[in-house]
Amino acid sequence: MAAPHSTSRPPSAAINSDDRLLLSSHNLLPSPHEQYSSTNFTNRRRRSSNCELESAGARGSSASIGASPSAATAPGCSSSTTTSPSTLPESCTGLMEPIIPTEPFIQTQVYDLANGGDLIFERDLFALTEFLGRSPPVFYGGQISDQANGQLQWLIMANLPGKPESPMFRQIQFSLRENTWVDGLAHALQESLARLLPCHPVLRHHVDHLDYMLYETRSALSNSRSAANHTQQQLNQYADTIKVIAKERRTLRQLVAKRDATIHRLKTKIAVLKETISTQVEQLQILEGEGEGEDIQGDGYSYVSNDNDYEPEEEEDQDFHQHLPAGMDTTFPLRIDG
C-alpha cells in the first residue's frame, strides 16, 4: 500500500466558527480558481439519491467505467447550459455538514488522488472520476485533541472539485472523524465513491446495496466494539479477582509455614520429653534393683505403713485404762474463760 502524501503545516493559533475561514486558516482548501462552489458548506446530513450530473450532454448508460458517454440526461437532474452555481439544484449536491474542531491541529496530512496510490477504494474512485470527467479528489487531514479523555483523533476533510463546463458538476465537500489518518482516509475514499456512484448509469443501481452493506458493517463494528468493551471490563474484574486470590494464597502460604514451624517445634519438645521420661525410668529401675527404695507401685497396700509402731501405742492405751480406780471419771471438763 502506498504511503499517503504528507505536507507539514504549522497549526493555526485560533479556530474561527466560519467553516471556510476555519479550513483556509489551516491551508487545507484549494485556491479559488481550482474549485467551483459557493463559499460555505451546505447543511446536508446525507447524500441525495439523485445524481450530480447536470447537462444535456450527460453521460450515457455504459455498463463499465471508462466507456463512452451518451447524450442522455441523467435522471433526477435538470438540463442546464448556464455556469452559474446558483442554477444548480440542491438535490444534486449531496453535501454534508463539516465537523468544526475546537482545538488547533497538532499535525496535518494531504492526499491527492491524482498522485496515484494503492489504497483501498482508490483505483475505483479514480476510474469513476475519470469516467464522469471530474477532477481527482483531494483529502486533507488534521489531528486534533478535543476529547474529554485526551484521545487524539483525525479530522478528515474531502474535497471533490466541481466542473463549470458542460456536463456541469457541483463541488462536494464533507468531513468525518477517525482515530488514525489511514482509517480516516479509507473511510473518506469509501464515502466519496458512494457519493459519485449515483451519477454512473449502471453502478448507481448498486448504491442502495452498498449503503445497506455499509450500514450492516458499521452496525456489526459497533456491536463488536461493545462486546470488546464488555470483555475488557470482565477482564479487568478478573484481574482484580486474580490479585485478591494471589494475596490470599500468599497469606495461606505464610500460615502453612507458621503451622509447620509450630509442628516441628512441638515434635522436638515431645522427643526431648520422651528422652527425659526414658532416663528417669532407667534411674528408677536401677534404684529398685539396689534395694535403696520401696516399690510403691503395683500392690494394693501402697498407702498403708508396713511398720509395727502403731501396735505398742494401742497396748499402752489399754494398760492406762486398766490401772485407773474403779468409778473414776476419765473425762476432763474444758473450761473456757469468757
C-alpha atoms as a PDB file:
ATOM      1  CA  MET A   1       0.000   0.000   0.000  1.00  0.00           C
ATOM      2  CA  ALA A   2       1.423   3.371  -0.960  1.00  0.00           C
ATOM      3  CA  ALA A   3       2.151   5.801   1.811  1.00  0.00           C
ATOM      4  CA  PRO A   4      -0.114   8.874   1.790  1.00  0.00           C
ATOM      5  CA  HIS A   5       1.495  12.085   0.622  1.00  0.00           C
ATOM      6  CA  SER A   6       2.037  14.377   3.579  1.00  0.00           C
ATOM      7  CA  THR A   7       2.941  18.015   3.987  1.00  0.00           C
ATOM      8  CA  SER A   8       3.990  19.794   7.143  1.00  0.00           C
ATOM      9  CA  ARG A   9       1.986  22.872   8.087  1.00  0.00           C
ATOM     10  CA  PRO A  10       2.151  24.828  11.329  1.00  0.00           C
ATOM     11  CA  PRO A  11      -1.094  24.588  13.312  1.00  0.00           C
ATOM     12  CA  SER A  12      -3.279  27.630  13.486  1.00  0.00           C
ATOM     13  CA  ALA A  13      -3.427  29.540  16.729  1.00  0.00           C
ATOM     14  CA  ALA A  14      -7.168  30.198  16.569  1.00  0.00           C
ATOM     15  CA  ILE A  15     -10.266  28.458  15.273  1.00  0.00           C
ATOM     16  CA  ASN A  16     -12.956  30.529  13.601  1.00  0.00           C
ATOM     17  CA  SER A  17     -16.603  29.482  13.619  1.00  0.00           C
ATOM     18  CA  ASP A  18     -16.932  30.059   9.898  1.00  0.00           C
ATOM     19  CA  ASP A  19     -16.297  26.802   8.017  1.00  0.00           C
ATOM     20  CA  ARG A  20     -14.281  28.205   5.148  1.00  0.00           C
ATOM     21  CA  LEU A  21     -12.287  30.519   7.343  1.00  0.00           C
ATOM     22  CA  LEU A  22     -11.519  27.535   9.572  1.00  0.00           C
ATOM     23  CA  LEU A  23     -10.245  25.384   6.719  1.00  0.00           C
ATOM     24  CA  SER A  24      -8.453  28.253   4.998  1.00  0.00           C
ATOM     25  CA  SER A  25      -6.651  29.172   8.226  1.00  0.00           C
ATOM     26  CA  HIS A  26      -5.145  25.673   8.205  1.00  0.00           C
ATOM     27  CA  ASN A  27      -4.271  25.875   4.468  1.00  0.00           C
ATOM     28  CA  LEU A  28      -6.462  22.863   3.819  1.00  0.00           C
ATOM     29  CA  LEU A  29      -8.578  24.269   0.970  1.00  0.00           C
ATOM     30  CA  PRO A  30      -7.531  24.673  -2.678  1.00  0.00           C
ATOM     31  CA  SER A  31      -7.293  28.109  -4.224  1.00  0.00           C
ATOM     32  CA  PRO A  32     -10.493  29.703  -5.598  1.00  0.00           C
ATOM     33  CA  HIS A  33      -9.517  29.068  -9.220  1.00  0.00           C
ATOM     34  CA  GLU A  34      -9.267  25.306  -8.520  1.00  0.00           C
ATOM     35  CA  GLN A  35     -12.824  24.888  -7.276  1.00  0.00           C
ATOM     36  CA  TYR A  36     -16.356  25.673  -8.360  1.00  0.00           C
ATOM     37  CA  SER A  37     -18.702  26.063  -5.430  1.00  0.00           C
ATOM     38  CA  SER A  38     -20.212  28.572  -3.053  1.00  0.00           C
ATOM     39  CA  THR A  39     -18.104  29.947  -0.214  1.00  0.00           C
ATOM     40  CA  ASN A  40     -19.697  27.866   2.513  1.00  0.00           C
ATOM     41  CA  PHE A  41     -20.625  24.235   3.040  1.00  0.00           C
ATOM     42  CA  THR A  42     -24.335  23.475   2.874  1.00  0.00           C
ATOM     43  CA  ASN A  43     -26.084  21.780   5.731  1.00  0.00           C
ATOM     44  CA  ARG A  44     -26.742  18.243   4.440  1.00  0.00           C
ATOM     45  CA  ARG A  45     -26.682  15.101   6.570  1.00  0.00           C
ATOM     46  CA  ARG A  46     -26.569  12.524   3.793  1.00  0.00           C
ATOM     47  CA  ARG A  47     -26.084  12.491   0.063  1.00  0.00           C
ATOM     48  CA  SER A  48     -29.171  12.682  -2.131  1.00  0.00           C
ATOM     49  CA  SER A  49     -30.306   9.710  -4.148  1.00  0.00           C
ATOM     50  CA  ASN A  50     -30.264  11.925  -7.251  1.00  0.00           C
ATOM     51  CA  CYS A  51     -27.116  12.432  -9.306  1.00  0.00           C
ATOM     52  CA  GLU A  52     -24.891  15.447  -9.626  1.00  0.00           C
ATOM     53  CA  LEU A  53     -24.687  15.274 -13.382  1.00  0.00           C
ATOM     54  CA  GLU A  54     -26.455  18.287 -14.928  1.00  0.00           C
ATOM     55  CA  SER A  55     -26.202  18.808 -18.626  1.00  0.00           C
ATOM     56  CA  ALA A  56     -27.857  17.934 -21.866  1.00  0.00           C
ATOM     57  CA  GLY A  57     -24.633  16.129 -22.710  1.00  0.00           C
ATOM     58  CA  ALA A  58     -24.713  13.913 -19.579  1.00  0.00           C
ATOM     59  CA  ARG A  59     -23.027  10.537 -19.500  1.00  0.00           C
ATOM     60  CA  GLY A  60     -24.799   7.639 -21.143  1.00  0.00           C
ATOM     61  CA  SER A  61     -25.800   4.200 -19.983  1.00  0.00           C
ATOM     62  CA  SER A  62     -22.462   2.429 -20.313  1.00  0.00           C
ATOM     63  CA  ALA A  63     -22.127  -0.583 -18.075  1.00  0.00           C
ATOM     64  CA  SER A  64     -18.393  -0.248 -17.432  1.00  0.00           C
ATOM     65  CA  ILE A  65     -16.318   2.586 -16.053  1.00  0.00           C
ATOM     66  CA  GLY A  66     -14.450   4.376 -18.791  1.00  0.00           C
ATOM     67  CA  ALA A  67     -16.947   3.601 -21.583  1.00  0.00           C
ATOM     68  CA  SER A  68     -18.009   6.355 -23.961  1.00  0.00           C
ATOM     69  CA  PRO A  69     -20.816   8.583 -22.661  1.00  0.00           C
ATOM     70  CA  SER A  70     -24.138   9.063 -24.376  1.00  0.00           C
ATOM     71  CA  ALA A  71     -26.208  12.181 -24.858  1.00  0.00           C
ATOM     72  CA  ALA A  72     -28.904  11.262 -22.355  1.00  0.00           C
ATOM     73  CA  THR A  73     -29.503  13.456 -19.360  1.00  0.00           C
ATOM     74  CA  ALA A  74     -29.135  11.719 -16.016  1.00  0.00           C
ATOM     75  CA  PRO A  75     -32.447  11.148 -14.247  1.00  0.00           C
ATOM     76  CA  GLY A  76     -33.229  13.458 -11.375  1.00  0.00           C
ATOM     77  CA  CYS A  77     -31.043  16.313 -12.690  1.00  0.00           C
ATOM     78  CA  SER A  78     -32.271  19.231 -14.714  1.00  0.00           C
ATOM     79  CA  SER A  79     -30.684  20.104 -18.043  1.00  0.00           C
ATOM     80  CA  SER A  80     -28.937  23.465 -17.977  1.00  0.00           C
ATOM     81  CA  THR A  81     -26.275  25.245 -20.007  1.00  0.00           C
ATOM     82  CA  THR A  82     -25.524  28.064 -17.559  1.00  0.00           C
ATOM     83  CA  THR A  83     -22.375  28.094 -15.466  1.00  0.00           C
ATOM     84  CA  SER A  84     -23.813  29.978 -12.516  1.00  0.00           C
ATOM     85  CA  PRO A  85     -23.588  27.996  -9.284  1.00  0.00           C
ATOM     86  CA  SER A  86     -26.985  29.292  -8.206  1.00  0.00           C
ATOM     87  CA  THR A  87     -28.685  27.393 -11.049  1.00  0.00           C
ATOM     88  CA  LEU A  88     -27.525  24.022  -9.708  1.00  0.00           C
ATOM     89  CA  PRO A  89     -30.317  22.328  -7.746  1.00  0.00           C
ATOM     90  CA  GLU A  90     -29.584  21.493  -4.121  1.00  0.00           C
ATOM     91  CA  SER A  91     -30.809  17.908  -4.633  1.00  0.00           C
ATOM     92  CA  CYS A  92     -27.732  17.162  -6.754  1.00  0.00           C
ATOM     93  CA  THR A  93     -25.101  18.410  -4.330  1.00  0.00           C
ATOM     94  CA  GLY A  94     -25.072  15.651  -1.739  1.00  0.00           C
ATOM     95  CA  LEU A  95     -23.105  17.724   0.738  1.00  0.00           C
ATOM     96  CA  MET A  96     -22.531  17.013   4.417  1.00  0.00           C
ATOM     97  CA  GLU A  97     -22.117  19.480   7.235  1.00  0.00           C
ATOM     98  CA  PRO A  98     -18.423  19.643   8.173  1.00  0.00           C
ATOM     99  CA  ILE A  99     -17.115  18.923  11.638  1.00  0.00           C
ATOM    100  CA  ILE A 100     -15.848  22.049  13.362  1.00  0.00           C
ATOM    101  CA  PRO A 101     -12.912  21.365  15.704  1.00  0.00           C
ATOM    102  CA  THR A 102     -12.468  23.410  18.848  1.00  0.00           C
ATOM    103  CA  GLU A 103      -8.705  22.931  19.100  1.00  0.00           C
ATOM    104  CA  PRO A 104      -5.805  23.700  16.701  1.00  0.00           C
ATOM    105  CA  PHE A 105      -4.444  20.905  14.546  1.00  0.00           C
ATOM    106  CA  ILE A 106      -1.455  19.077  16.008  1.00  0.00           C
ATOM    107  CA  GLN A 107      -0.307  17.855  12.584  1.00  0.00           C
ATOM    108  CA  THR A 108      -1.763  17.782   9.069  1.00  0.00           C
ATOM    109  CA  GLN A 109      -1.744  15.413   6.098  1.00  0.00           C
ATOM    110  CA  VAL A 110      -2.745  15.840   2.449  1.00  0.00           C
ATOM    111  CA  TYR A 111      -3.528  13.064  -0.021  1.00  0.00           C
ATOM    112  CA  ASP A 112      -4.142  13.817  -3.692  1.00  0.00           C
ATOM    113  CA  LEU A 113      -5.800  11.079  -5.716  1.00  0.00           C
ATOM    114  CA  ALA A 114      -4.037  12.353  -8.848  1.00  0.00           C
ATOM    115  CA  ASN A 115      -0.639  11.310  -7.467  1.00  0.00           C
ATOM    116  CA  GLY A 116      -1.585   7.660  -7.776  1.00  0.00           C
ATOM    117  CA  GLY A 117      -1.576   5.163  -4.941  1.00  0.00           C
ATOM    118  CA  ASP A 118      -2.793   1.741  -3.944  1.00  0.00           C
ATOM    119  CA  LEU A 119      -5.153   2.475  -1.074  1.00  0.00           C
ATOM    120  CA  ILE A 120      -8.440   0.660  -0.673  1.00  0.00           C
ATOM    121  CA  PHE A 121     -11.208   2.103  -2.936  1.00  0.00           C
ATOM    122  CA  GLU A 122      -8.641   4.402  -4.577  1.00  0.00           C
ATOM    123  CA  ARG A 123      -8.476   2.812  -8.029  1.00  0.00           C
ATOM    124  CA  ASP A 124     -12.255   2.501  -8.282  1.00  0.00           C
ATOM    125  CA  LEU A 125     -12.738   6.121  -7.221  1.00  0.00           C
ATOM    126  CA  PHE A 126     -10.111   7.387  -9.669  1.00  0.00           C
ATOM    127  CA  ALA A 127     -11.627   5.392 -12.551  1.00  0.00           C
ATOM    128  CA  LEU A 128     -15.103   6.696 -11.686  1.00  0.00           C
ATOM    129  CA  THR A 129     -13.942  10.324 -11.583  1.00  0.00           C
ATOM    130  CA  GLU A 130     -12.252   9.893 -14.971  1.00  0.00           C
ATOM    131  CA  PHE A 131     -15.400   8.351 -16.422  1.00  0.00           C
ATOM    132  CA  LEU A 132     -17.524  11.232 -15.133  1.00  0.00           C
ATOM    133  CA  GLY A 133     -14.984  13.816 -16.294  1.00  0.00           C
ATOM    134  CA  ARG A 134     -14.363  15.182 -12.821  1.00  0.00           C
ATOM    135  CA  SER A 135     -11.081  16.288 -11.322  1.00  0.00           C
ATOM    136  CA  PRO A 136      -9.417  13.852  -8.890  1.00  0.00           C
ATOM    137  CA  PRO A 137     -10.467  14.361  -5.255  1.00  0.00           C
ATOM    138  CA  VAL A 138      -8.111  15.702  -2.625  1.00  0.00           C
ATOM    139  CA  PHE A 139      -8.251  14.704   1.040  1.00  0.00           C
ATOM    140  CA  TYR A 140      -6.990  16.803   3.935  1.00  0.00           C
ATOM    141  CA  GLY A 141      -6.443  15.590   7.478  1.00  0.00           C
ATOM    142  CA  GLY A 142      -5.696  17.307  10.751  1.00  0.00           C
ATOM    143  CA  GLN A 143      -5.004  15.693  14.099  1.00  0.00           C
ATOM    144  CA  ILE A 144      -6.894  17.257  16.996  1.00  0.00           C
ATOM    145  CA  SER A 145      -7.205  16.662  20.712  1.00  0.00           C
ATOM    146  CA  ASP A 146     -10.658  17.782  21.812  1.00  0.00           C
ATOM    147  CA  GLN A 147     -11.902  14.642  23.541  1.00  0.00           C
ATOM    148  CA  ALA A 148     -12.641  14.534  27.253  1.00  0.00           C
ATOM    149  CA  ASN A 149     -10.360  11.525  27.732  1.00  0.00           C
ATOM    150  CA  GLY A 150      -7.493  13.179  25.832  1.00  0.00           C
ATOM    151  CA  GLN A 151      -7.620  10.724  22.914  1.00  0.00           C
ATOM    152  CA  LEU A 152      -6.183  12.057  19.654  1.00  0.00           C
ATOM    153  CA  GLN A 153      -8.421  11.915  16.582  1.00  0.00           C
ATOM    154  CA  TRP A 154      -8.091  12.840  12.920  1.00  0.00           C
ATOM    155  CA  LEU A 155     -10.490  15.230  11.237  1.00  0.00           C
ATOM    156  CA  ILE A 156     -10.649  14.193   7.560  1.00  0.00           C
ATOM    157  CA  MET A 157     -11.952  16.746   5.038  1.00  0.00           C
ATOM    158  CA  ALA A 158     -12.673  15.614   1.494  1.00  0.00           C
ATOM    159  CA  ASN A 159     -12.779  17.980  -1.472  1.00  0.00           C
ATOM    160  CA  LEU A 160     -14.314  16.680  -4.710  1.00  0.00           C
ATOM    161  CA  PRO A 161     -13.824  19.587  -7.156  1.00  0.00           C
ATOM    162  CA  GLY A 162     -16.702  20.689  -9.321  1.00  0.00           C
ATOM    163  CA  LYS A 163     -16.803  21.361 -13.039  1.00  0.00           C
ATOM    164  CA  PRO A 164     -18.165  24.593 -14.553  1.00  0.00           C
ATOM    165  CA  GLU A 165     -18.186  23.266 -18.109  1.00  0.00           C
ATOM    166  CA  SER A 166     -20.803  21.016 -19.600  1.00  0.00           C
ATOM    167  CA  PRO A 167     -21.504  18.464 -18.227  1.00  0.00           C
ATOM    168  CA  MET A 168     -21.576  20.559 -15.097  1.00  0.00           C
ATOM    169  CA  PHE A 169     -20.854  19.284 -11.599  1.00  0.00           C
ATOM    170  CA  ARG A 170     -21.088  20.951  -8.252  1.00  0.00           C
ATOM    171  CA  GLN A 171     -18.271  20.679  -5.750  1.00  0.00           C
ATOM    172  CA  ILE A 172     -18.684  18.165  -2.912  1.00  0.00           C
ATOM    173  CA  GLN A 173     -17.050  18.695   0.455  1.00  0.00           C
ATOM    174  CA  PHE A 174     -17.561  16.703   3.633  1.00  0.00           C
ATOM    175  CA  SER A 175     -15.670  15.860   6.789  1.00  0.00           C
ATOM    176  CA  LEU A 176     -15.516  12.960   9.219  1.00  0.00           C
ATOM    177  CA  ARG A 177     -13.578  11.727  12.242  1.00  0.00           C
ATOM    178  CA  GLU A 178     -11.418   8.654  12.743  1.00  0.00           C
ATOM    179  CA  ASN A 179      -8.808   7.532  15.234  1.00  0.00           C
ATOM    180  CA  THR A 180      -5.979   7.279  12.671  1.00  0.00           C
ATOM    181  CA  TRP A 181      -5.095   9.028   9.415  1.00  0.00           C
ATOM    182  CA  VAL A 182      -5.103   5.803   7.376  1.00  0.00           C
ATOM    183  CA  ASP A 183      -8.517   4.716   8.691  1.00  0.00           C
ATOM    184  CA  GLY A 184      -9.951   8.167   8.094  1.00  0.00           C
ATOM    185  CA  LEU A 185      -8.548   8.273   4.564  1.00  0.00           C
ATOM    186  CA  ALA A 186     -10.057   4.868   3.740  1.00  0.00           C
ATOM    187  CA  HIS A 187     -13.397   5.998   5.170  1.00  0.00           C
ATOM    188  CA  ALA A 188     -13.287   9.205   3.108  1.00  0.00           C
ATOM    189  CA  LEU A 189     -12.442   7.274  -0.087  1.00  0.00           C
ATOM    190  CA  GLN A 190     -15.382   4.966   0.507  1.00  0.00           C
ATOM    191  CA  GLU A 191     -17.692   7.896   1.235  1.00  0.00           C
ATOM    192  CA  SER A 192     -16.549   9.708  -1.921  1.00  0.00           C
ATOM    193  CA  LEU A 193     -17.118   6.611  -4.016  1.00  0.00           C
ATOM    194  CA  ALA A 194     -20.617   6.236  -2.580  1.00  0.00           C
ATOM    195  CA  ARG A 195     -21.408   9.889  -3.376  1.00  0.00           C
ATOM    196  CA  LEU A 196     -20.274   9.650  -7.006  1.00  0.00           C
ATOM    197  CA  LEU A 197     -21.766   6.258  -7.848  1.00  0.00           C
ATOM    198  CA  PRO A 198     -25.333   7.621  -8.346  1.00  0.00           C
ATOM    199  CA  CYS A 199     -24.005   9.518 -11.382  1.00  0.00           C
ATOM    200  CA  HIS A 200     -22.975   6.310 -13.120  1.00  0.00           C
ATOM    201  CA  PRO A 201     -25.733   4.934 -15.399  1.00  0.00           C
ATOM    202  CA  VAL A 202     -25.371   1.333 -14.192  1.00  0.00           C
ATOM    203  CA  LEU A 203     -23.491   1.357 -10.911  1.00  0.00           C
ATOM    204  CA  ARG A 204     -25.959   3.732  -9.316  1.00  0.00           C
ATOM    205  CA  HIS A 205     -28.398   0.822  -9.054  1.00  0.00           C
ATOM    206  CA  HIS A 206     -25.970  -0.833  -6.656  1.00  0.00           C
ATOM    207  CA  VAL A 207     -25.641   2.167  -4.382  1.00  0.00           C
ATOM    208  CA  ASP A 208     -28.545   1.096  -2.200  1.00  0.00           C
ATOM    209  CA  HIS A 209     -26.963  -2.312  -1.773  1.00  0.00           C
ATOM    210  CA  LEU A 210     -23.653  -0.702  -0.861  1.00  0.00           C
ATOM    211  CA  ASP A 211     -25.377   1.599   1.602  1.00  0.00           C
ATOM    212  CA  TYR A 212     -27.097  -1.369   3.191  1.00  0.00           C
ATOM    213  CA  MET A 213     -23.837  -3.300   3.366  1.00  0.00           C
ATOM    214  CA  LEU A 214     -22.110  -0.263   4.847  1.00  0.00           C
ATOM    215  CA  TYR A 215     -24.861   0.114   7.432  1.00  0.00           C
ATOM    216  CA  GLU A 216     -24.648  -3.560   8.357  1.00  0.00           C
ATOM    217  CA  THR A 217     -20.863  -3.390   8.533  1.00  0.00           C
ATOM    218  CA  ARG A 218     -20.920  -0.363  10.796  1.00  0.00           C
ATOM    219  CA  SER A 219     -23.599  -1.965  12.964  1.00  0.00           C
ATOM    220  CA  ALA A 220     -21.505  -5.113  13.258  1.00  0.00           C
ATOM    221  CA  LEU A 221     -18.468  -2.987  14.059  1.00  0.00           C
ATOM    222  CA  SER A 222     -20.407  -1.136  16.744  1.00  0.00           C
ATOM    223  CA  ASN A 223     -21.591  -4.423  18.232  1.00  0.00           C
ATOM    224  CA  SER A 224     -18.047  -5.762  18.126  1.00  0.00           C
ATOM    225  CA  ARG A 225     -16.769  -2.686  19.923  1.00  0.00           C
ATOM    226  CA  SER A 226     -19.479  -3.031  22.566  1.00  0.00           C
ATOM    227  CA  ALA A 227     -18.619  -6.702  23.014  1.00  0.00           C
ATOM    228  CA  ALA A 228     -14.925  -5.847  23.200  1.00  0.00           C
ATOM    229  CA  ASN A 229     -15.590  -3.184  25.832  1.00  0.00           C
ATOM    230  CA  HIS A 230     -17.714  -5.635  27.830  1.00  0.00           C
ATOM    231  CA  THR A 231     -14.998  -8.272  27.534  1.00  0.00           C
ATOM    232  CA  GLN A 232     -12.388  -5.751  28.635  1.00  0.00           C
ATOM    233  CA  GLN A 233     -14.471  -4.872  31.682  1.00  0.00           C
ATOM    234  CA  GLN A 234     -14.758  -8.551  32.551  1.00  0.00           C
ATOM    235  CA  LEU A 235     -11.007  -8.973  32.093  1.00  0.00           C
ATOM    236  CA  ASN A 236     -10.421  -6.045  34.434  1.00  0.00           C
ATOM    237  CA  GLN A 237     -12.697  -7.649  37.011  1.00  0.00           C
ATOM    238  CA  TYR A 238     -10.910 -10.965  36.558  1.00  0.00           C
ATOM    239  CA  ALA A 239      -7.584  -9.195  37.024  1.00  0.00           C
ATOM    240  CA  ASP A 240      -8.779  -7.706  40.311  1.00  0.00           C
ATOM    241  CA  THR A 241     -10.042 -11.118  41.418  1.00  0.00           C
ATOM    242  CA  ILE A 242      -6.715 -12.704  40.484  1.00  0.00           C
ATOM    243  CA  LYS A 243      -4.890 -10.112  42.582  1.00  0.00           C
ATOM    244  CA  VAL A 244      -7.117 -10.884  45.583  1.00  0.00           C
ATOM    245  CA  ILE A 245      -6.626 -14.630  45.114  1.00  0.00           C
ATOM    246  CA  ALA A 246      -2.860 -14.190  44.831  1.00  0.00           C
ATOM    247  CA  LYS A 247      -2.847 -12.189  48.066  1.00  0.00           C
ATOM    248  CA  GLU A 248      -4.901 -14.882  49.801  1.00  0.00           C
ATOM    249  CA  ARG A 249      -2.522 -17.554  48.528  1.00  0.00           C
ATOM    250  CA  ARG A 250       0.443 -15.672  49.956  1.00  0.00           C
ATOM    251  CA  THR A 251      -1.370 -15.383  53.291  1.00  0.00           C
ATOM    252  CA  LEU A 252      -2.202 -19.092  53.288  1.00  0.00           C
ATOM    253  CA  ARG A 253       1.391 -19.977  52.468  1.00  0.00           C
ATOM    254  CA  GLN A 254       2.571 -17.902  55.403  1.00  0.00           C
ATOM    255  CA  LEU A 255       0.050 -19.619  57.686  1.00  0.00           C
ATOM    256  CA  VAL A 256       1.128 -23.056  56.451  1.00  0.00           C
ATOM    257  CA  ALA A 257       4.789 -22.198  57.031  1.00  0.00           C
ATOM    258  CA  LYS A 258       3.963 -20.949  60.532  1.00  0.00           C
ATOM    259  CA  ARG A 259       1.966 -24.104  61.283  1.00  0.00           C
ATOM    260  CA  ASP A 260       4.782 -26.340  60.015  1.00  0.00           C
ATOM    261  CA  ALA A 261       7.250 -24.479  62.228  1.00  0.00           C
ATOM    262  CA  THR A 262       4.952 -24.963  65.239  1.00  0.00           C
ATOM    263  CA  ILE A 263       4.559 -28.671  64.473  1.00  0.00           C
ATOM    264  CA  HIS A 264       8.315 -29.100  64.156  1.00  0.00           C
ATOM    265  CA  ARG A 265       8.881 -27.284  67.457  1.00  0.00           C
ATOM    266  CA  LEU A 266       6.289 -29.438  69.244  1.00  0.00           C
ATOM    267  CA  LYS A 267       7.743 -32.634  67.801  1.00  0.00           C
ATOM    268  CA  THR A 268      11.180 -31.625  69.040  1.00  0.00           C
ATOM    269  CA  LYS A 269       9.780 -30.907  72.506  1.00  0.00           C
ATOM    270  CA  ILE A 270       7.946 -34.241  72.577  1.00  0.00           C
ATOM    271  CA  ALA A 271      11.144 -36.065  71.626  1.00  0.00           C
ATOM    272  CA  VAL A 272      13.009 -34.321  74.464  1.00  0.00           C
ATOM    273  CA  LEU A 273      10.259 -35.213  76.937  1.00  0.00           C
ATOM    274  CA  LYS A 274      10.274 -38.840  75.805  1.00  0.00           C
ATOM    275  CA  GLU A 275      14.018 -38.989  76.290  1.00  0.00           C
ATOM    276  CA  THR A 276      13.672 -37.458  79.765  1.00  0.00           C
ATOM    277  CA  ILE A 277      10.998 -39.990  80.721  1.00  0.00           C
ATOM    278  CA  SER A 278      13.114 -42.867  79.464  1.00  0.00           C
ATOM    279  CA  THR A 279      16.092 -41.650  81.504  1.00  0.00           C
ATOM    280  CA  GLN A 280      14.012 -41.347  84.669  1.00  0.00           C
ATOM    281  CA  VAL A 281      12.544 -44.838  84.193  1.00  0.00           C
ATOM    282  CA  GLU A 282      16.028 -46.274  83.900  1.00  0.00           C
ATOM    283  CA  GLN A 283      17.083 -44.463  87.072  1.00  0.00           C
ATOM    284  CA  LEU A 284      14.072 -45.859  88.965  1.00  0.00           C
ATOM    285  CA  GLN A 285      14.833 -49.375  87.825  1.00  0.00           C
ATOM    286  CA  ILE A 286      18.423 -49.003  88.977  1.00  0.00           C
ATOM    287  CA  LEU A 287      17.346 -47.722  92.401  1.00  0.00           C
ATOM    288  CA  GLU A 288      14.831 -50.543  92.891  1.00  0.00           C
ATOM    289  CA  GLY A 289      17.430 -53.119  91.956  1.00  0.00           C
ATOM    290  CA  GLU A 290      19.845 -51.856  94.640  1.00  0.00           C
ATOM    291  CA  GLY A 291      17.158 -52.051  97.429  1.00  0.00           C
ATOM    292  CA  GLU A 292      17.507 -48.424  98.341  1.00  0.00           C
ATOM    293  CA  GLY A 293      13.894 -47.741  97.744  1.00  0.00           C
ATOM    294  CA  GLU A 294      10.479 -49.246  98.103  1.00  0.00           C
ATOM    295  CA  ASP A 295       8.233 -50.269  95.323  1.00  0.00           C
ATOM    296  CA  ILE A 296       5.135 -48.179  95.777  1.00  0.00           C
ATOM    297  CA  GLN A 297       3.684 -49.367  92.532  1.00  0.00           C
ATOM    298  CA  GLY A 298       1.811 -52.499  91.710  1.00  0.00           C
ATOM    299  CA  ASP A 299       0.447 -53.633  95.141  1.00  0.00           C
ATOM    300  CA  GLY A 300      -2.745 -52.717  96.950  1.00  0.00           C
ATOM    301  CA  TYR A 301      -1.045 -51.506 100.132  1.00  0.00           C
ATOM    302  CA  SER A 302       0.788 -48.568  98.805  1.00  0.00           C
ATOM    303  CA  TYR A 303      -0.898 -46.190 101.207  1.00  0.00           C
ATOM    304  CA  VAL A 304      -0.572 -48.479 104.365  1.00  0.00           C
ATOM    305  CA  SER A 305       2.528 -48.270 106.510  1.00  0.00           C
ATOM    306  CA  ASN A 306       4.495 -51.509 106.865  1.00  0.00           C
ATOM    307  CA  ASP A 307       5.904 -50.516 110.278  1.00  0.00           C
ATOM    308  CA  ASN A 308       4.571 -52.127 113.535  1.00  0.00           C
ATOM    309  CA  ASP A 309       4.994 -48.986 115.610  1.00  0.00           C
ATOM    310  CA  TYR A 310       1.258 -48.488 115.864  1.00  0.00           C
ATOM    311  CA  GLU A 311       0.721 -51.743 117.899  1.00  0.00           C
ATOM    312  CA  PRO A 312       2.654 -50.719 121.073  1.00  0.00           C
ATOM    313  CA  GLU A 313       0.789 -47.436 121.171  1.00  0.00           C
ATOM    314  CA  GLU A 314      -2.545 -49.275 121.277  1.00  0.00           C
ATOM    315  CA  GLU A 315      -1.301 -51.579 124.055  1.00  0.00           C
ATOM    316  CA  GLU A 316      -0.159 -48.619 126.172  1.00  0.00           C
ATOM    317  CA  ASP A 317      -3.587 -47.049 125.929  1.00  0.00           C
ATOM    318  CA  GLN A 318      -5.241 -50.255 127.137  1.00  0.00           C
ATOM    319  CA  ASP A 319      -2.855 -50.552 130.152  1.00  0.00           C
ATOM    320  CA  PHE A 320      -3.560 -46.961 131.179  1.00  0.00           C
ATOM    321  CA  HIS A 321      -7.279 -47.531 131.342  1.00  0.00           C
ATOM    322  CA  GLN A 322      -6.899 -50.802 133.291  1.00  0.00           C
ATOM    323  CA  HIS A 323      -4.898 -49.183 136.131  1.00  0.00           C
ATOM    324  CA  LEU A 324      -7.393 -46.405 136.758  1.00  0.00           C
ATOM    325  CA  PRO A 325      -9.501 -46.662 140.033  1.00  0.00           C
ATOM    326  CA  ALA A 326     -12.971 -48.017 139.638  1.00  0.00           C
ATOM    327  CA  GLY A 327     -15.583 -45.420 139.093  1.00  0.00           C
ATOM    328  CA  MET A 328     -13.105 -42.722 138.178  1.00  0.00           C
ATOM    329  CA  ASP A 329     -14.324 -40.402 135.578  1.00  0.00           C
ATOM    330  CA  THR A 330     -11.779 -40.168 132.855  1.00  0.00           C
ATOM    331  CA  THR A 331     -13.424 -37.175 131.248  1.00  0.00           C
ATOM    332  CA  PHE A 332     -11.824 -33.817 131.832  1.00  0.00           C
ATOM    333  CA  PRO A 333     -14.025 -30.730 131.749  1.00  0.00           C
ATOM    334  CA  LEU A 334     -12.927 -27.996 129.449  1.00  0.00           C
ATOM    335  CA  ARG A 335     -13.156 -24.528 130.937  1.00  0.00           C
ATOM    336  CA  ILE A 336     -13.174 -21.554 128.798  1.00  0.00           C
ATOM    337  CA  ASP A 337     -12.869 -18.220 130.462  1.00  0.00           C
ATOM    338  CA  GLY A 338     -15.021 -15.641 128.935  1.00  0.00           C
END
